[in-house]
Amino acid sequence: MIDAPGPWGTGPFVLIEGHSVIDAEQATVSREPFACTWLWFEDRTPMVRLVANTNYWDKKRGPHLQEVVFRNDVSPERALELVCTTEGEVDILTEVSPADAGRVERSARMPGSSRSTRCAPLPGSSTATRKGCRLVTSARQALNLAVDRDRLVREAMFGWAAPLAGLTPPTAITFLQRFPNRLSPYRHDPVSRPCSGAKQGALTTLAVRSASPPWEIS
């Protein structure tokens, strides 16, 4: 949450203009018995400007840019068009589908283009539940082993992805946590634990429902 201009002084950039807030308020549904829900709201200015914090302690990490401007007034469709057809209007675009990532890459290779591209679509999965209760650990592990991640990357995301463990990327910061293979993604082994959930009496059949963006394959 960035709710007001800085200076904050703790990061590589300082907010000097605009704000972008996502928050929630409690709304009472009934008092006897008490029940409530959360109402989410967003408050975003058309533009959020950050400038380099020259006093940032880690000079190797950054900042490497003098200024960053976030545009909240540009639709995803318009931003995709600008990043593919213009120079300098939009430099970074998030939440790009694998189908559109190829278009972005091809536009960067056009003669006369000075753009570079690195696309990283990030599909996610949530913890499976059964009638409101979390599945036993062994059942969730069996579900993980049943997923062919390499095929998903190849066929659903057109190669624009890499399997991760717990959304932990292979960086220098996470090197110790990832070695030796402490946080490696599950291998594809659908027959290793076929009845792990049933062994503990949790379930014999698991129905999986996919809630995916339209570019993913269920």
Protein backbone atom coordinates (compact mmCIF):
# COMPACT_ATOMS: atom_id res chain seq x y z
CA MET A 1 0.00 0.00 0.00
CA ILE A 2 1.30 3.44 -0.95
CA ASP A 3 -1.16 5.91 0.55
CA ALA A 4 0.78 9.17 0.47
CA PRO A 5 3.95 10.73 -0.92
CA GLY A 6 7.17 10.08 1.03
CA PRO A 7 9.95 10.53 1.70
CA TRP A 8 10.14 7.02 3.12
CA GLY A 9 13.90 6.62 2.83
CA THR A 10 14.04 2.83 3.26
CA GLY A 11 13.79 1.63 -0.34
CA PRO A 12 15.65 2.36 -3.57
CA PHE A 13 12.88 4.77 -4.63
CA VAL A 14 10.97 7.63 -3.01
CA LEU A 15 7.29 8.34 -3.74
CA ILE A 16 6.84 11.97 -4.75
CA GLU A 17 3.45 12.03 -6.48
CA GLY A 18 0.19 10.09 -6.33
CA HIS A 19 -0.98 7.07 -4.37
CA SER A 20 -2.30 3.57 -4.97
CA VAL A 21 -4.30 1.98 -2.16
CA ILE A 22 -6.19 -1.30 -1.83
CA ASP A 23 -8.00 -1.58 1.50
CA ALA A 24 -11.03 -3.14 3.14
CA GLU A 25 -13.75 -2.10 5.57
CA GLN A 26 -15.80 -4.33 7.83
CA ALA A 27 -19.53 -4.38 7.11
CA THR A 28 -21.96 -5.86 9.63
CA VAL A 29 -24.46 -8.33 8.18
CA SER A 30 -26.30 -9.12 11.43
CA ARG A 31 -25.80 -8.39 15.11
CA GLU A 32 -27.58 -11.40 16.65
CA PRO A 33 -25.83 -13.65 15.88
CA PHE A 34 -22.97 -11.43 14.82
CA ALA A 35 -21.91 -11.82 11.21
CA CYS A 36 -19.84 -9.55 9.04
CA THR A 37 -18.09 -9.34 5.70
CA TRP A 38 -15.32 -7.30 4.15
CA LEU A 39 -15.87 -4.64 1.49
CA TRP A 40 -12.78 -4.10 -0.64
CA PHE A 41 -12.08 -0.78 -2.29
CA GLU A 42 -9.34 0.80 -4.35
CA ASP A 43 -8.12 4.38 -4.39
CA ARG A 44 -5.64 5.06 -7.17
CA THR A 45 -4.47 8.30 -8.72
CA PRO A 46 -3.99 8.28 -12.51
CA MET A 47 -0.22 8.41 -12.03
CA VAL A 48 2.24 7.34 -9.32
CA ARG A 49 5.78 8.74 -9.56
CA LEU A 50 8.86 7.36 -7.84
CA VAL A 51 12.33 8.91 -8.00
CA ALA A 52 15.67 7.37 -7.12
CA ASN A 53 16.64 7.40 -3.45
CA THR A 54 20.27 8.49 -3.62
CA ASN A 55 20.74 7.61 0.06
CA TYR A 56 19.73 3.98 -0.36
CA TRP A 57 22.17 1.78 1.54
CA ASP A 58 22.65 -1.02 -1.03
CA LYS A 59 24.27 0.64 -4.04
CA LYS A 60 24.72 -2.67 -5.89
CA ARG A 61 20.99 -3.34 -5.75
CA GLY A 62 19.99 0.06 -6.98
CA PRO A 63 18.40 2.27 -7.85
CA HIS A 64 19.39 1.84 -11.49
CA LEU A 65 16.73 4.21 -12.84
CA GLN A 66 16.29 7.90 -12.13
CA GLU A 67 12.48 7.81 -12.18
CA VAL A 68 9.65 5.28 -12.43
CA VAL A 69 6.08 6.23 -13.36
CA PHE A 70 3.12 3.88 -12.83
CA ARG A 71 0.11 4.55 -15.07
CA ASN A 72 -3.21 3.60 -13.49
CA ASP A 73 -5.21 5.27 -16.25
CA VAL A 74 -4.20 2.92 -19.08
CA SER A 75 -6.23 -0.22 -19.74
CA PRO A 76 -4.38 -3.56 -20.10
CA GLU A 77 -5.37 -3.72 -23.78
CA ARG A 78 -4.08 -0.21 -24.48
CA ALA A 79 -0.88 -0.85 -22.51
CA LEU A 80 -0.20 -4.00 -24.57
CA GLU A 81 -0.68 -2.01 -27.77
CA LEU A 82 1.66 0.75 -26.57
CA VAL A 83 4.42 -1.62 -25.45
CA CYS A 84 4.32 -3.35 -28.84
CA THR A 85 4.02 -0.36 -31.16
CA THR A 86 5.67 2.64 -29.47
CA GLU A 87 9.01 3.59 -27.96
CA GLY A 88 9.06 4.86 -24.37
CA GLU A 89 5.30 5.09 -23.78
CA VAL A 90 5.19 1.84 -21.78
CA ASP A 91 8.37 0.01 -20.76
CA ILE A 92 7.08 -2.62 -18.32
CA LEU A 93 3.77 -4.44 -18.59
CA THR A 94 2.58 -6.96 -15.99
CA GLU A 95 0.00 -9.76 -16.17
CA VAL A 96 0.75 -10.57 -19.82
CA SER A 97 -0.67 -13.85 -21.08
CA PRO A 98 1.72 -16.31 -22.77
CA ALA A 99 -0.17 -15.79 -26.02
CA ASP A 100 0.53 -12.04 -25.89
CA ALA A 101 4.09 -12.52 -24.61
CA GLY A 102 5.10 -13.83 -28.02
CA ARG A 103 3.72 -10.68 -29.63
CA VAL A 104 5.74 -8.50 -27.24
CA GLU A 105 8.92 -10.42 -28.03
CA ARG A 106 8.37 -10.22 -31.79
CA SER A 107 7.81 -6.47 -31.60
CA ALA A 108 11.11 -6.05 -29.73
CA ARG A 109 12.95 -7.81 -32.58
CA MET A 110 11.54 -5.54 -35.28
CA PRO A 111 14.13 -3.54 -37.28
CA GLY A 112 14.84 -0.20 -35.64
CA SER A 113 13.40 -1.22 -32.28
CA SER A 114 15.45 -0.46 -29.18
CA ARG A 115 13.12 -2.34 -26.86
CA SER A 116 14.11 -5.42 -24.91
CA THR A 117 11.68 -7.92 -23.46
CA ARG A 118 11.52 -10.42 -20.65
CA CYS A 119 8.14 -12.02 -20.03
CA ALA A 120 7.29 -14.01 -16.92
CA PRO A 121 3.65 -15.14 -16.70
CA LEU A 122 2.87 -16.41 -13.21
CA PRO A 123 0.08 -18.94 -12.88
CA GLY A 124 -0.93 -19.80 -9.34
CA SER A 125 -2.69 -22.53 -7.44
CA SER A 126 -4.50 -22.46 -4.13
CA THR A 127 -4.64 -25.08 -1.40
CA ALA A 128 -7.22 -27.71 -2.24
CA THR A 129 -10.16 -28.03 0.13
CA ARG A 130 -12.89 -30.58 0.71
CA LYS A 131 -16.17 -29.36 2.22
CA GLY A 132 -14.45 -26.38 3.78
CA CYS A 133 -11.61 -28.36 5.36
CA ARG A 134 -8.02 -28.50 4.21
CA LEU A 135 -6.95 -31.78 2.70
CA VAL A 136 -4.41 -33.83 4.60
CA THR A 137 -0.81 -33.15 3.67
CA SER A 138 -0.36 -36.48 1.90
CA ALA A 139 -3.36 -35.81 -0.34
CA ARG A 140 -2.03 -32.39 -1.32
CA GLN A 141 1.35 -33.96 -2.05
CA ALA A 142 -0.30 -36.58 -4.27
CA LEU A 143 -2.05 -33.77 -6.14
CA ASN A 144 1.28 -31.99 -6.63
CA LEU A 145 2.93 -35.15 -7.93
CA ALA A 146 0.11 -35.61 -10.44
CA VAL A 147 0.80 -32.25 -12.13
CA ASP A 148 3.07 -32.39 -15.18
CA ARG A 149 4.65 -28.96 -14.81
CA ASP A 150 6.91 -29.28 -17.84
CA ARG A 151 3.89 -30.02 -20.03
CA LEU A 152 1.99 -27.06 -18.56
CA VAL A 153 4.95 -24.80 -19.34
CA ARG A 154 5.27 -26.22 -22.84
CA GLU A 155 1.61 -26.43 -23.90
CA ALA A 156 -0.32 -24.00 -21.68
CA MET A 157 2.23 -21.20 -21.36
CA PHE A 158 4.10 -21.68 -24.64
CA GLY A 159 7.44 -21.91 -22.84
CA TRP A 160 7.03 -18.59 -21.00
CA ALA A 161 7.43 -20.00 -17.50
CA ALA A 162 9.68 -22.00 -15.20
CA PRO A 163 8.57 -24.33 -12.38
CA LEU A 164 9.15 -22.81 -8.94
CA ALA A 165 8.96 -24.13 -5.42
CA GLY A 166 6.69 -22.02 -3.24
CA LEU A 167 7.04 -19.08 -5.66
CA THR A 168 10.70 -18.81 -4.64
CA PRO A 169 12.80 -17.76 -7.66
CA PRO A 170 16.39 -18.99 -8.06
CA THR A 171 18.23 -15.86 -6.96
CA ALA A 172 21.36 -15.21 -4.95
CA ILE A 173 19.22 -14.34 -1.93
CA THR A 174 17.43 -17.70 -1.96
CA PHE A 175 20.48 -19.79 -2.89
CA LEU A 176 20.95 -21.32 0.57
CA GLN A 177 17.27 -22.17 0.85
CA ARG A 178 17.31 -23.89 -2.53
CA PHE A 179 20.51 -25.90 -2.00
CA PRO A 180 20.77 -28.81 -1.88
CA ASN A 181 17.31 -29.13 -3.45
CA ARG A 182 15.54 -27.97 -0.30
CA LEU A 183 12.94 -26.07 -2.29
CA SER A 184 12.88 -27.96 -5.57
CA PRO A 185 9.53 -28.23 -7.38
CA TYR A 186 7.70 -31.55 -7.09
CA ARG A 187 8.63 -34.01 -9.82
CA HIS A 188 5.96 -35.46 -12.09
CA ASP A 189 5.22 -38.88 -10.58
CA PRO A 190 1.46 -39.60 -10.78
CA VAL A 191 1.75 -43.25 -9.65
CA SER A 192 4.03 -42.70 -6.66
CA ARG A 193 1.24 -41.88 -4.18
CA PRO A 194 -2.03 -42.73 -5.94
CA CYS A 195 -4.07 -43.30 -2.80
CA SER A 196 -2.25 -41.22 -0.22
CA GLY A 197 -5.41 -39.39 0.81
CA ALA A 198 -7.44 -42.57 1.12
CA LYS A 199 -4.79 -44.16 3.34
CA GLN A 200 -5.78 -41.77 6.09
CA GLY A 201 -9.48 -42.10 5.37
CA ALA A 202 -9.72 -38.58 4.03
CA LEU A 203 -11.10 -39.35 0.59
CA THR A 204 -11.11 -41.93 -2.17
CA THR A 205 -11.91 -39.58 -5.05
CA LEU A 206 -10.70 -36.00 -5.41
CA ALA A 207 -12.53 -33.71 -7.80
CA VAL A 208 -10.34 -30.85 -8.99
CA ARG A 209 -11.89 -27.67 -10.37
CA SER A 210 -9.69 -25.22 -12.20
CA ALA A 211 -10.11 -21.48 -11.71
CA SER A 212 -7.73 -20.24 -14.37
CA PRO A 213 -7.29 -17.27 -16.68
CA PRO A 214 -8.59 -18.01 -20.17
CA TRP A 215 -5.08 -18.61 -21.53
CA GLU A 216 -4.42 -21.59 -19.27
CA ILE A 217 -5.30 -25.18 -20.06
CA SER A 218 -7.31 -27.03 -17.41
